[in-house]
Amino acid sequence: MNRSDKTLRERLLNMETLSSTPGELPREQVRRMLDARLTVAKRIGFGFLAFVGACTAIAFAGPAGRDGGSNWEQTFIYRMIMIFAFLVCVAWTLLTGWVAASGVVRRAQRPWIAVTSLAMGFFYLITLVFVFVVPISRLESRAMLATQMALIGFFLFNTIGLCAILGVLYRGQFKSQEKLLEIEYRIADLAEKIGDPSRP
């Protein structure tokens, strides 16, 4: 019993030292296993999302770069919101377009897709408020306008916090999946070594 335990311990130690030097290949294999292959229907869906993102980016580019318009559209905060919305839509379009073209959702792309989706939702809502609600409040009540700006700032910081939390959660999830797959790989390799004594 002690002989078998010692042999198992030695094999584990030998496997750890061997896999630490050429371990890049299994790690790359693990990362490729975490990538999601898309069907044709899903690739078409991502292509449609990229098209929607491009149209939305064009819609945001007009107010972001236009000099004319009402006094509200010429304010700094309005222009900055439109510029950030444009940049987020461009990032969303590039991500979804790349996924549609390659047919693979890379492990590193998933948190960025989730973050840009959340940011786009925020900017859609803010744009509706800026176009239909704020101009009326700006003319009628400064107090109401200040309250609306405070709420917009509050939701902006919440959105940034949610994006950061999503990034941390995705990173932790992928690290855990990588470790589990590496452990499964090592257990399978160790089982083959124990079953075949001729293997080094």
N, C-alpha and C. Protein backbone atom coordinates (compact mmCIF):
# COMPACT_ATOMS: atom_id res chain seq x y z
N MET A 1 0.83 -1.20 0.00
CA MET A 1 0.00 0.00 0.00
C MET A 1 0.87 1.26 0.00
N ASN A 2 1.93 1.24 0.83
CA ASN A 2 2.83 2.38 0.87
C ASN A 2 3.57 2.53 -0.46
N ARG A 3 3.89 1.35 -1.08
CA ARG A 3 4.60 1.38 -2.35
C ARG A 3 3.76 2.06 -3.43
N SER A 4 2.45 1.70 -3.46
CA SER A 4 1.57 2.29 -4.47
C SER A 4 1.36 3.78 -4.21
N ASP A 5 1.24 4.14 -2.90
CA ASP A 5 1.06 5.55 -2.57
C ASP A 5 2.29 6.36 -2.98
N LYS A 6 3.44 5.81 -2.73
CA LYS A 6 4.66 6.52 -3.09
C LYS A 6 4.77 6.68 -4.60
N THR A 7 4.41 5.62 -5.31
CA THR A 7 4.47 5.69 -6.77
C THR A 7 3.51 6.74 -7.30
N LEU A 8 2.30 6.79 -6.78
CA LEU A 8 1.31 7.78 -7.21
C LEU A 8 1.80 9.19 -6.91
N ARG A 9 2.39 9.38 -5.73
CA ARG A 9 2.88 10.70 -5.38
C ARG A 9 4.04 11.11 -6.29
N GLU A 10 4.91 10.17 -6.58
CA GLU A 10 6.03 10.47 -7.46
C GLU A 10 5.56 10.80 -8.87
N ARG A 11 4.54 10.06 -9.32
CA ARG A 11 4.02 10.33 -10.67
C ARG A 11 3.37 11.71 -10.72
N LEU A 12 2.67 12.08 -9.68
CA LEU A 12 2.06 13.41 -9.65
C LEU A 12 3.13 14.51 -9.68
N LEU A 13 4.19 14.32 -8.88
CA LEU A 13 5.25 15.31 -8.87
C LEU A 13 5.97 15.38 -10.21
N ASN A 14 6.20 14.20 -10.79
CA ASN A 14 6.86 14.19 -12.11
C ASN A 14 5.98 14.85 -13.16
N MET A 15 4.70 14.57 -13.09
CA MET A 15 3.78 15.17 -14.06
C MET A 15 3.74 16.67 -13.88
N GLU A 16 3.78 17.18 -12.65
CA GLU A 16 3.74 18.62 -12.40
C GLU A 16 4.97 19.29 -12.98
N THR A 17 6.15 18.66 -12.78
CA THR A 17 7.37 19.28 -13.28
C THR A 17 7.44 19.21 -14.79
N LEU A 18 6.97 18.13 -15.37
CA LEU A 18 6.99 18.01 -16.83
C LEU A 18 6.02 18.97 -17.49
N SER A 19 4.85 19.13 -16.89
CA SER A 19 3.83 19.96 -17.53
C SER A 19 4.08 21.44 -17.32
N SER A 20 5.01 21.79 -16.39
CA SER A 20 5.25 23.21 -16.17
C SER A 20 6.08 23.83 -17.29
N THR A 21 6.96 23.01 -17.94
CA THR A 21 7.76 23.56 -19.03
C THR A 21 7.04 23.58 -20.36
N PRO A 22 6.49 22.44 -20.84
CA PRO A 22 5.77 22.51 -22.12
C PRO A 22 4.30 22.76 -21.93
N GLY A 23 3.91 23.37 -20.82
CA GLY A 23 2.49 23.48 -20.48
C GLY A 23 1.72 24.45 -21.33
N GLU A 24 2.37 25.14 -22.25
CA GLU A 24 1.65 26.12 -23.04
C GLU A 24 0.67 25.46 -23.99
N LEU A 25 1.05 24.31 -24.52
CA LEU A 25 0.15 23.64 -25.46
C LEU A 25 -1.15 23.21 -24.81
N PRO A 26 -1.15 22.53 -23.66
CA PRO A 26 -2.43 22.23 -23.02
C PRO A 26 -3.23 23.47 -22.67
N ARG A 27 -2.56 24.55 -22.25
CA ARG A 27 -3.28 25.78 -21.90
C ARG A 27 -3.96 26.37 -23.13
N GLU A 28 -3.28 26.34 -24.26
CA GLU A 28 -3.90 26.84 -25.48
C GLU A 28 -5.06 25.95 -25.90
N GLN A 29 -4.91 24.66 -25.71
CA GLN A 29 -6.00 23.74 -26.02
C GLN A 29 -7.20 24.01 -25.11
N VAL A 30 -6.92 24.28 -23.84
CA VAL A 30 -8.01 24.59 -22.91
C VAL A 30 -8.74 25.85 -23.33
N ARG A 31 -8.00 26.86 -23.74
CA ARG A 31 -8.63 28.11 -24.16
C ARG A 31 -9.46 27.92 -25.43
N ARG A 32 -8.96 27.09 -26.33
CA ARG A 32 -9.74 26.82 -27.54
C ARG A 32 -11.01 26.04 -27.21
N MET A 33 -10.95 25.18 -26.20
CA MET A 33 -12.14 24.44 -25.79
C MET A 33 -13.20 25.35 -25.20
N LEU A 34 -12.78 26.47 -24.61
CA LEU A 34 -13.74 27.41 -24.02
C LEU A 34 -14.36 28.33 -25.06
N ASP A 35 -13.80 28.36 -26.27
CA ASP A 35 -14.41 29.16 -27.34
C ASP A 35 -15.66 28.46 -27.84
N ALA A 36 -16.69 29.26 -28.16
CA ALA A 36 -17.98 28.71 -28.59
C ALA A 36 -18.09 28.81 -30.11
N ARG A 37 -18.30 27.68 -30.77
CA ARG A 37 -18.53 27.64 -32.21
C ARG A 37 -20.00 27.94 -32.48
N LEU A 38 -20.25 28.77 -33.46
CA LEU A 38 -21.61 29.22 -33.76
C LEU A 38 -22.17 28.48 -34.96
N THR A 39 -23.46 28.23 -34.92
CA THR A 39 -24.15 27.69 -36.08
C THR A 39 -24.38 28.80 -37.11
N VAL A 40 -24.86 28.41 -38.27
CA VAL A 40 -25.11 29.40 -39.32
C VAL A 40 -26.18 30.39 -38.87
N ALA A 41 -27.22 29.89 -38.21
CA ALA A 41 -28.29 30.78 -37.75
C ALA A 41 -27.77 31.80 -36.74
N LYS A 42 -26.91 31.37 -35.84
CA LYS A 42 -26.36 32.31 -34.85
C LYS A 42 -25.42 33.32 -35.50
N ARG A 43 -24.69 32.88 -36.52
CA ARG A 43 -23.81 33.82 -37.22
C ARG A 43 -24.64 34.88 -37.94
N ILE A 44 -25.77 34.46 -38.52
CA ILE A 44 -26.66 35.44 -39.15
C ILE A 44 -27.22 36.40 -38.11
N GLY A 45 -27.56 35.87 -36.94
CA GLY A 45 -28.05 36.74 -35.86
C GLY A 45 -27.02 37.76 -35.43
N PHE A 46 -25.76 37.34 -35.28
CA PHE A 46 -24.72 38.29 -34.93
C PHE A 46 -24.48 39.29 -36.05
N GLY A 47 -24.62 38.85 -37.30
CA GLY A 47 -24.50 39.78 -38.41
C GLY A 47 -25.59 40.84 -38.38
N PHE A 48 -26.80 40.41 -38.02
CA PHE A 48 -27.89 41.38 -37.90
C PHE A 48 -27.63 42.36 -36.77
N LEU A 49 -27.10 41.87 -35.65
CA LEU A 49 -26.75 42.76 -34.54
C LEU A 49 -25.68 43.76 -34.95
N ALA A 50 -24.71 43.31 -35.74
CA ALA A 50 -23.69 44.24 -36.23
C ALA A 50 -24.31 45.30 -37.14
N PHE A 51 -25.28 44.90 -37.95
CA PHE A 51 -25.96 45.87 -38.82
C PHE A 51 -26.73 46.90 -37.99
N VAL A 52 -27.41 46.43 -36.95
CA VAL A 52 -28.14 47.34 -36.07
C VAL A 52 -27.17 48.29 -35.37
N GLY A 53 -26.03 47.76 -34.92
CA GLY A 53 -25.04 48.61 -34.28
C GLY A 53 -24.48 49.67 -35.21
N ALA A 54 -24.27 49.30 -36.48
CA ALA A 54 -23.76 50.28 -37.45
C ALA A 54 -24.79 51.38 -37.70
N CYS A 55 -26.05 50.99 -37.84
CA CYS A 55 -27.11 52.00 -38.05
C CYS A 55 -27.22 52.92 -36.84
N THR A 56 -27.12 52.35 -35.65
CA THR A 56 -27.20 53.16 -34.44
C THR A 56 -26.00 54.10 -34.31
N ALA A 57 -24.81 53.59 -34.70
CA ALA A 57 -23.63 54.45 -34.66
C ALA A 57 -23.77 55.63 -35.61
N ILE A 58 -24.34 55.39 -36.77
CA ILE A 58 -24.58 56.48 -37.72
C ILE A 58 -25.56 57.49 -37.13
N ALA A 59 -26.60 56.98 -36.46
CA ALA A 59 -27.59 57.87 -35.86
C ALA A 59 -26.98 58.72 -34.76
N PHE A 60 -26.05 58.15 -33.98
CA PHE A 60 -25.39 58.92 -32.92
C PHE A 60 -24.32 59.85 -33.48
N ALA A 61 -23.74 59.50 -34.62
CA ALA A 61 -22.66 60.32 -35.18
C ALA A 61 -23.16 61.69 -35.60
N GLY A 62 -24.43 61.77 -36.06
CA GLY A 62 -24.97 63.06 -36.48
C GLY A 62 -25.02 64.07 -35.36
N PRO A 63 -25.70 63.79 -34.25
CA PRO A 63 -25.71 64.75 -33.13
C PRO A 63 -24.34 64.98 -32.51
N ALA A 64 -23.47 63.96 -32.55
CA ALA A 64 -22.15 64.12 -31.93
C ALA A 64 -21.26 65.08 -32.71
N GLY A 65 -21.43 65.13 -34.03
CA GLY A 65 -20.56 65.97 -34.82
C GLY A 65 -21.23 67.20 -35.40
N ARG A 66 -22.51 67.37 -35.13
CA ARG A 66 -23.21 68.51 -35.71
C ARG A 66 -23.01 69.75 -34.86
N ASP A 67 -22.75 70.86 -35.51
CA ASP A 67 -22.55 72.13 -34.81
C ASP A 67 -23.85 72.91 -34.62
N GLY A 68 -24.78 72.72 -35.54
CA GLY A 68 -26.04 73.46 -35.44
C GLY A 68 -27.02 72.79 -34.50
N GLY A 69 -28.28 73.20 -34.58
CA GLY A 69 -29.32 72.64 -33.73
C GLY A 69 -29.73 73.60 -32.65
N SER A 70 -30.54 73.09 -31.74
CA SER A 70 -31.02 73.93 -30.65
C SER A 70 -29.90 74.19 -29.65
N ASN A 71 -30.19 75.07 -28.69
CA ASN A 71 -29.20 75.38 -27.67
C ASN A 71 -28.85 74.16 -26.82
N TRP A 72 -29.85 73.32 -26.56
CA TRP A 72 -29.60 72.11 -25.78
C TRP A 72 -28.67 71.16 -26.51
N GLU A 73 -28.84 71.01 -27.82
CA GLU A 73 -27.98 70.11 -28.60
C GLU A 73 -26.56 70.62 -28.71
N GLN A 74 -26.33 71.88 -28.43
CA GLN A 74 -24.99 72.44 -28.48
C GLN A 74 -24.28 72.43 -27.14
N THR A 75 -24.95 71.97 -26.11
CA THR A 75 -24.31 71.94 -24.79
C THR A 75 -23.24 70.85 -24.73
N PHE A 76 -22.32 71.02 -23.80
CA PHE A 76 -21.19 70.10 -23.68
C PHE A 76 -21.65 68.70 -23.28
N ILE A 77 -22.55 68.62 -22.30
CA ILE A 77 -22.99 67.31 -21.81
C ILE A 77 -23.72 66.52 -22.90
N TYR A 78 -24.53 67.21 -23.70
CA TYR A 78 -25.25 66.53 -24.78
C TYR A 78 -24.27 65.97 -25.81
N ARG A 79 -23.31 66.79 -26.20
CA ARG A 79 -22.33 66.34 -27.19
C ARG A 79 -21.48 65.18 -26.66
N MET A 80 -21.08 65.24 -25.40
CA MET A 80 -20.25 64.17 -24.83
C MET A 80 -21.02 62.86 -24.75
N ILE A 81 -22.29 62.93 -24.35
CA ILE A 81 -23.10 61.71 -24.30
C ILE A 81 -23.22 61.09 -25.68
N MET A 82 -23.43 61.90 -26.69
CA MET A 82 -23.56 61.38 -28.05
C MET A 82 -22.24 60.80 -28.56
N ILE A 83 -21.13 61.42 -28.19
CA ILE A 83 -19.83 60.90 -28.61
C ILE A 83 -19.56 59.54 -27.97
N PHE A 84 -19.82 59.42 -26.66
CA PHE A 84 -19.62 58.14 -25.99
C PHE A 84 -20.57 57.07 -26.53
N ALA A 85 -21.82 57.45 -26.82
CA ALA A 85 -22.76 56.51 -27.40
C ALA A 85 -22.28 56.04 -28.77
N PHE A 86 -21.74 56.94 -29.55
CA PHE A 86 -21.20 56.58 -30.86
C PHE A 86 -20.04 55.59 -30.72
N LEU A 87 -19.13 55.84 -29.78
CA LEU A 87 -17.98 54.96 -29.59
C LEU A 87 -18.41 53.57 -29.12
N VAL A 88 -19.39 53.52 -28.22
CA VAL A 88 -19.89 52.23 -27.75
C VAL A 88 -20.54 51.45 -28.89
N CYS A 89 -21.30 52.13 -29.73
CA CYS A 89 -21.94 51.46 -30.87
C CYS A 89 -20.91 50.95 -31.87
N VAL A 90 -19.84 51.72 -32.07
CA VAL A 90 -18.77 51.26 -32.96
C VAL A 90 -18.11 50.00 -32.39
N ALA A 91 -17.83 50.00 -31.09
CA ALA A 91 -17.24 48.82 -30.46
C ALA A 91 -18.16 47.61 -30.57
N TRP A 92 -19.45 47.82 -30.32
CA TRP A 92 -20.44 46.75 -30.44
C TRP A 92 -20.48 46.21 -31.86
N THR A 93 -20.45 47.10 -32.86
CA THR A 93 -20.49 46.68 -34.26
C THR A 93 -19.26 45.86 -34.62
N LEU A 94 -18.07 46.30 -34.16
CA LEU A 94 -16.85 45.56 -34.47
C LEU A 94 -16.85 44.18 -33.82
N LEU A 95 -17.29 44.11 -32.57
CA LEU A 95 -17.31 42.83 -31.87
C LEU A 95 -18.27 41.84 -32.52
N THR A 96 -19.52 42.27 -32.71
CA THR A 96 -20.51 41.35 -33.30
C THR A 96 -20.19 41.04 -34.76
N GLY A 97 -19.64 42.02 -35.49
CA GLY A 97 -19.26 41.74 -36.86
C GLY A 97 -18.13 40.73 -36.95
N TRP A 98 -17.15 40.84 -36.05
CA TRP A 98 -16.06 39.87 -36.02
C TRP A 98 -16.56 38.48 -35.67
N VAL A 99 -17.46 38.39 -34.70
CA VAL A 99 -18.02 37.09 -34.33
C VAL A 99 -18.79 36.48 -35.49
N ALA A 100 -19.59 37.30 -36.18
CA ALA A 100 -20.35 36.80 -37.33
C ALA A 100 -19.44 36.33 -38.44
N ALA A 101 -18.34 37.03 -38.67
CA ALA A 101 -17.43 36.66 -39.75
C ALA A 101 -16.60 35.43 -39.40
N SER A 102 -16.14 35.34 -38.16
CA SER A 102 -15.29 34.21 -37.76
C SER A 102 -16.08 32.97 -37.38
N GLY A 103 -17.31 33.16 -36.90
CA GLY A 103 -18.11 32.02 -36.48
C GLY A 103 -17.73 31.47 -35.13
N VAL A 104 -16.94 32.21 -34.37
CA VAL A 104 -16.47 31.76 -33.06
C VAL A 104 -16.58 32.91 -32.07
N VAL A 105 -17.12 32.62 -30.89
CA VAL A 105 -17.12 33.60 -29.80
C VAL A 105 -15.94 33.27 -28.90
N ARG A 106 -14.91 34.09 -28.98
CA ARG A 106 -13.71 33.85 -28.20
C ARG A 106 -14.00 34.07 -26.72
N ARG A 107 -13.18 33.40 -25.91
CA ARG A 107 -13.34 33.52 -24.46
C ARG A 107 -13.19 34.97 -24.01
N ALA A 108 -12.23 35.67 -24.58
CA ALA A 108 -11.98 37.05 -24.16
C ALA A 108 -13.01 38.03 -24.70
N GLN A 109 -13.80 37.63 -25.69
CA GLN A 109 -14.77 38.54 -26.28
C GLN A 109 -16.08 38.59 -25.51
N ARG A 110 -16.39 37.55 -24.77
CA ARG A 110 -17.69 37.47 -24.10
C ARG A 110 -17.93 38.61 -23.11
N PRO A 111 -16.97 38.91 -22.22
CA PRO A 111 -17.24 40.04 -21.31
C PRO A 111 -17.41 41.36 -22.03
N TRP A 112 -16.65 41.58 -23.12
CA TRP A 112 -16.77 42.83 -23.86
C TRP A 112 -18.12 42.93 -24.56
N ILE A 113 -18.62 41.82 -25.07
CA ILE A 113 -19.95 41.83 -25.69
C ILE A 113 -21.02 42.16 -24.65
N ALA A 114 -20.90 41.55 -23.46
CA ALA A 114 -21.87 41.82 -22.40
C ALA A 114 -21.79 43.28 -21.94
N VAL A 115 -20.57 43.80 -21.80
CA VAL A 115 -20.40 45.18 -21.33
C VAL A 115 -20.94 46.17 -22.35
N THR A 116 -20.60 45.99 -23.62
CA THR A 116 -21.09 46.91 -24.65
C THR A 116 -22.61 46.81 -24.80
N SER A 117 -23.17 45.63 -24.61
CA SER A 117 -24.63 45.50 -24.67
C SER A 117 -25.30 46.31 -23.56
N LEU A 118 -24.75 46.19 -22.35
CA LEU A 118 -25.30 46.95 -21.23
C LEU A 118 -25.13 48.45 -21.46
N ALA A 119 -23.97 48.85 -21.96
CA ALA A 119 -23.73 50.28 -22.21
C ALA A 119 -24.66 50.82 -23.31
N MET A 120 -24.88 50.01 -24.35
CA MET A 120 -25.80 50.46 -25.40
C MET A 120 -27.21 50.65 -24.88
N GLY A 121 -27.66 49.74 -24.03
CA GLY A 121 -28.98 49.90 -23.43
C GLY A 121 -29.09 51.18 -22.62
N PHE A 122 -28.03 51.48 -21.88
CA PHE A 122 -28.03 52.73 -21.10
C PHE A 122 -28.11 53.95 -22.01
N PHE A 123 -27.31 53.96 -23.07
CA PHE A 123 -27.29 55.13 -23.95
C PHE A 123 -28.59 55.26 -24.75
N TYR A 124 -29.24 54.15 -25.06
CA TYR A 124 -30.56 54.24 -25.70
C TYR A 124 -31.54 54.98 -24.81
N LEU A 125 -31.58 54.59 -23.54
CA LEU A 125 -32.51 55.23 -22.60
C LEU A 125 -32.15 56.70 -22.38
N ILE A 126 -30.86 56.97 -22.23
CA ILE A 126 -30.44 58.35 -22.00
C ILE A 126 -30.76 59.22 -23.22
N THR A 127 -30.61 58.66 -24.40
CA THR A 127 -30.92 59.43 -25.61
C THR A 127 -32.40 59.80 -25.66
N LEU A 128 -33.26 58.87 -25.31
CA LEU A 128 -34.70 59.18 -25.27
C LEU A 128 -34.99 60.30 -24.27
N VAL A 129 -34.34 60.23 -23.12
CA VAL A 129 -34.54 61.29 -22.12
C VAL A 129 -34.01 62.62 -22.63
N PHE A 130 -32.85 62.60 -23.25
CA PHE A 130 -32.25 63.84 -23.74
C PHE A 130 -33.05 64.47 -24.87
N VAL A 131 -33.68 63.65 -25.69
CA VAL A 131 -34.39 64.17 -26.85
C VAL A 131 -35.80 64.64 -26.49
N PHE A 132 -36.49 63.89 -25.62
CA PHE A 132 -37.91 64.17 -25.40
C PHE A 132 -38.22 64.80 -24.03
N VAL A 133 -37.42 64.58 -23.03
CA VAL A 133 -37.76 65.01 -21.67
C VAL A 133 -36.95 66.24 -21.25
N VAL A 134 -35.64 66.17 -21.40
CA VAL A 134 -34.78 67.25 -20.90
C VAL A 134 -35.06 68.60 -21.56
N PRO A 135 -35.28 68.69 -22.88
CA PRO A 135 -35.56 70.02 -23.45
C PRO A 135 -36.77 70.71 -22.84
N ILE A 136 -37.80 69.93 -22.49
CA ILE A 136 -38.98 70.54 -21.86
C ILE A 136 -38.66 71.00 -20.45
N SER A 137 -37.95 70.15 -19.68
CA SER A 137 -37.58 70.54 -18.31
C SER A 137 -36.63 71.72 -18.31
N ARG A 138 -35.79 71.79 -19.30
CA ARG A 138 -34.81 72.89 -19.37
C ARG A 138 -35.50 74.25 -19.53
N LEU A 139 -36.64 74.25 -20.20
CA LEU A 139 -37.38 75.50 -20.42
C LEU A 139 -38.33 75.82 -19.27
N GLU A 140 -38.85 74.80 -18.60
CA GLU A 140 -39.90 75.02 -17.61
C GLU A 140 -39.38 75.10 -16.18
N SER A 141 -38.48 74.19 -15.81
CA SER A 141 -38.07 74.13 -14.40
C SER A 141 -36.61 73.72 -14.30
N ARG A 142 -35.80 74.62 -13.77
CA ARG A 142 -34.40 74.31 -13.55
C ARG A 142 -34.21 73.25 -12.47
N ALA A 143 -35.09 73.27 -11.48
CA ALA A 143 -35.00 72.27 -10.40
C ALA A 143 -35.26 70.87 -10.93
N MET A 144 -36.27 70.75 -11.80
CA MET A 144 -36.56 69.45 -12.39
C MET A 144 -35.41 68.99 -13.29
N LEU A 145 -34.82 69.94 -14.01
CA LEU A 145 -33.68 69.59 -14.86
C LEU A 145 -32.50 69.10 -14.02
N ALA A 146 -32.24 69.77 -12.90
CA ALA A 146 -31.15 69.34 -12.03
C ALA A 146 -31.42 67.95 -11.47
N THR A 147 -32.68 67.67 -11.12
CA THR A 147 -33.02 66.34 -10.61
C THR A 147 -32.81 65.29 -11.67
N GLN A 148 -33.22 65.59 -12.90
CA GLN A 148 -33.04 64.64 -13.98
C GLN A 148 -31.56 64.38 -14.27
N MET A 149 -30.74 65.43 -14.23
CA MET A 149 -29.31 65.25 -14.45
C MET A 149 -28.68 64.41 -13.34
N ALA A 150 -29.14 64.62 -12.10
CA ALA A 150 -28.63 63.83 -10.98
C ALA A 150 -29.00 62.36 -11.14
N LEU A 151 -30.23 62.09 -11.58
CA LEU A 151 -30.64 60.71 -11.81
C LEU A 151 -29.85 60.06 -12.94
N ILE A 152 -29.62 60.85 -14.00
CA ILE A 152 -28.83 60.32 -15.10
C ILE A 152 -27.41 59.98 -14.64
N GLY A 153 -26.81 60.86 -13.83
CA GLY A 153 -25.49 60.58 -13.28
C GLY A 153 -25.48 59.35 -12.39
N PHE A 154 -26.55 59.21 -11.59
CA PHE A 154 -26.66 58.04 -10.73
C PHE A 154 -26.71 56.75 -11.54
N PHE A 155 -27.54 56.72 -12.58
CA PHE A 155 -27.63 55.53 -13.41
C PHE A 155 -26.36 55.31 -14.22
N LEU A 156 -25.66 56.39 -14.57
CA LEU A 156 -24.39 56.23 -15.27
C LEU A 156 -23.37 55.52 -14.40
N PHE A 157 -23.23 55.95 -13.15
CA PHE A 157 -22.28 55.30 -12.25
C PHE A 157 -22.69 53.86 -11.95
N ASN A 158 -23.99 53.60 -11.86
CA ASN A 158 -24.45 52.23 -11.67
C ASN A 158 -24.12 51.36 -12.87
N THR A 159 -24.27 51.92 -14.07
CA THR A 159 -23.94 51.16 -15.27
C THR A 159 -22.45 50.84 -15.33
N ILE A 160 -21.62 51.82 -14.99
CA ILE A 160 -20.18 51.59 -14.95
C ILE A 160 -19.84 50.51 -13.93
N GLY A 161 -20.48 50.56 -12.76
CA GLY A 161 -20.25 49.53 -11.75
C GLY A 161 -20.68 48.15 -12.21
N LEU A 162 -21.83 48.07 -12.87
CA LEU A 162 -22.29 46.78 -13.38
C LEU A 162 -21.34 46.23 -14.45
N CYS A 163 -20.83 47.11 -15.30
CA CYS A 163 -19.87 46.68 -16.32
C CYS A 163 -18.60 46.12 -15.67
N ALA A 164 -18.12 46.80 -14.63
CA ALA A 164 -16.93 46.32 -13.93
C ALA A 164 -17.20 44.97 -13.24
N ILE A 165 -18.38 44.83 -12.62
CA ILE A 165 -18.72 43.57 -11.96
C ILE A 165 -18.84 42.44 -12.98
N LEU A 166 -19.45 42.72 -14.14
CA LEU A 166 -19.55 41.70 -15.19
C LEU A 166 -18.17 41.26 -15.65
N GLY A 167 -17.25 42.22 -15.81
CA GLY A 167 -15.91 41.86 -16.22
C GLY A 167 -15.21 40.96 -15.21
N VAL A 168 -15.35 41.28 -13.93
CA VAL A 168 -14.73 40.47 -12.88
C VAL A 168 -15.36 39.08 -12.83
N LEU A 169 -16.69 39.01 -12.94
CA LEU A 169 -17.37 37.72 -12.89
C LEU A 169 -16.97 36.83 -14.06
N TYR A 170 -16.94 37.39 -15.25
CA TYR A 170 -16.55 36.61 -16.42
C TYR A 170 -15.11 36.13 -16.29
N ARG A 171 -14.23 36.99 -15.82
CA ARG A 171 -12.84 36.61 -15.66
C ARG A 171 -12.69 35.47 -14.65
N GLY A 172 -13.40 35.59 -13.52
CA GLY A 172 -13.35 34.52 -12.53
C GLY A 172 -13.93 33.22 -13.05
N GLN A 173 -15.04 33.32 -13.80
CA GLN A 173 -15.65 32.12 -14.35
C GLN A 173 -14.72 31.41 -15.32
N PHE A 174 -14.07 32.17 -16.19
CA PHE A 174 -13.19 31.56 -17.17
C PHE A 174 -11.94 30.98 -16.52
N LYS A 175 -11.43 31.66 -15.49
CA LYS A 175 -10.29 31.10 -14.77
C LYS A 175 -10.65 29.77 -14.12
N SER A 176 -11.85 29.70 -13.54
CA SER A 176 -12.29 28.46 -12.91
C SER A 176 -12.46 27.36 -13.95
N GLN A 177 -13.05 27.69 -15.09
CA GLN A 177 -13.21 26.70 -16.15
C GLN A 177 -11.86 26.22 -16.68
N GLU A 178 -10.92 27.12 -16.82
CA GLU A 178 -9.58 26.74 -17.26
C GLU A 178 -8.94 25.76 -16.28
N LYS A 179 -9.04 26.09 -14.99
CA LYS A 179 -8.43 25.23 -13.99
C LYS A 179 -9.09 23.85 -13.97
N LEU A 180 -10.42 23.81 -14.08
CA LEU A 180 -11.11 22.52 -14.09
C LEU A 180 -10.71 21.68 -15.29
N LEU A 181 -10.62 22.29 -16.45
CA LEU A 181 -10.21 21.54 -17.64
C LEU A 181 -8.76 21.08 -17.54
N GLU A 182 -7.90 21.90 -16.96
CA GLU A 182 -6.52 21.49 -16.77
C GLU A 182 -6.43 20.32 -15.81
N ILE A 183 -7.24 20.35 -14.75
CA ILE A 183 -7.24 19.24 -13.79
C ILE A 183 -7.73 17.97 -14.46
N GLU A 184 -8.82 18.07 -15.25
CA GLU A 184 -9.31 16.90 -15.97
C GLU A 184 -8.26 16.35 -16.93
N TYR A 185 -7.56 17.25 -17.60
CA TYR A 185 -6.52 16.83 -18.53
C TYR A 185 -5.41 16.09 -17.80
N ARG A 186 -4.99 16.63 -16.66
CA ARG A 186 -3.91 16.00 -15.91
C ARG A 186 -4.34 14.66 -15.33
N ILE A 187 -5.58 14.59 -14.85
CA ILE A 187 -6.07 13.31 -14.31
C ILE A 187 -6.11 12.25 -15.41
N ALA A 188 -6.60 12.64 -16.60
CA ALA A 188 -6.66 11.69 -17.71
C ALA A 188 -5.25 11.25 -18.12
N ASP A 189 -4.31 12.18 -18.16
CA ASP A 189 -2.94 11.84 -18.52
C ASP A 189 -2.30 10.96 -17.47
N LEU A 190 -2.58 11.26 -16.20
CA LEU A 190 -2.03 10.45 -15.11
C LEU A 190 -2.61 9.04 -15.15
N ALA A 191 -3.91 8.94 -15.46
CA ALA A 191 -4.52 7.61 -15.56
C ALA A 191 -3.87 6.79 -16.67
N GLU A 192 -3.55 7.44 -17.78
CA GLU A 192 -2.89 6.73 -18.85
C GLU A 192 -1.47 6.31 -18.44
N LYS A 193 -0.77 7.17 -17.70
CA LYS A 193 0.57 6.82 -17.24
C LYS A 193 0.55 5.65 -16.27
N ILE A 194 -0.42 5.64 -15.36
CA ILE A 194 -0.52 4.55 -14.39
C ILE A 194 -0.92 3.26 -15.10
N GLY A 195 -1.80 3.38 -16.08
CA GLY A 195 -2.25 2.18 -16.79
C GLY A 195 -1.18 1.62 -17.71
N ASP A 196 -0.26 2.47 -18.16
CA ASP A 196 0.81 2.04 -19.05
C ASP A 196 2.14 2.33 -18.38
N PRO A 197 2.73 1.35 -17.67
CA PRO A 197 3.98 1.61 -16.94
C PRO A 197 5.14 1.96 -17.85
N SER A 198 5.07 1.61 -19.13
CA SER A 198 6.17 1.89 -20.04
C SER A 198 6.28 3.37 -20.37
N ARG A 199 5.17 4.15 -20.12
CA ARG A 199 5.23 5.59 -20.39
C ARG A 199 6.10 6.28 -19.36
N PRO A 200 6.88 7.29 -19.76
CA PRO A 200 7.75 7.97 -18.78
C PRO A 200 6.95 8.82 -17.82
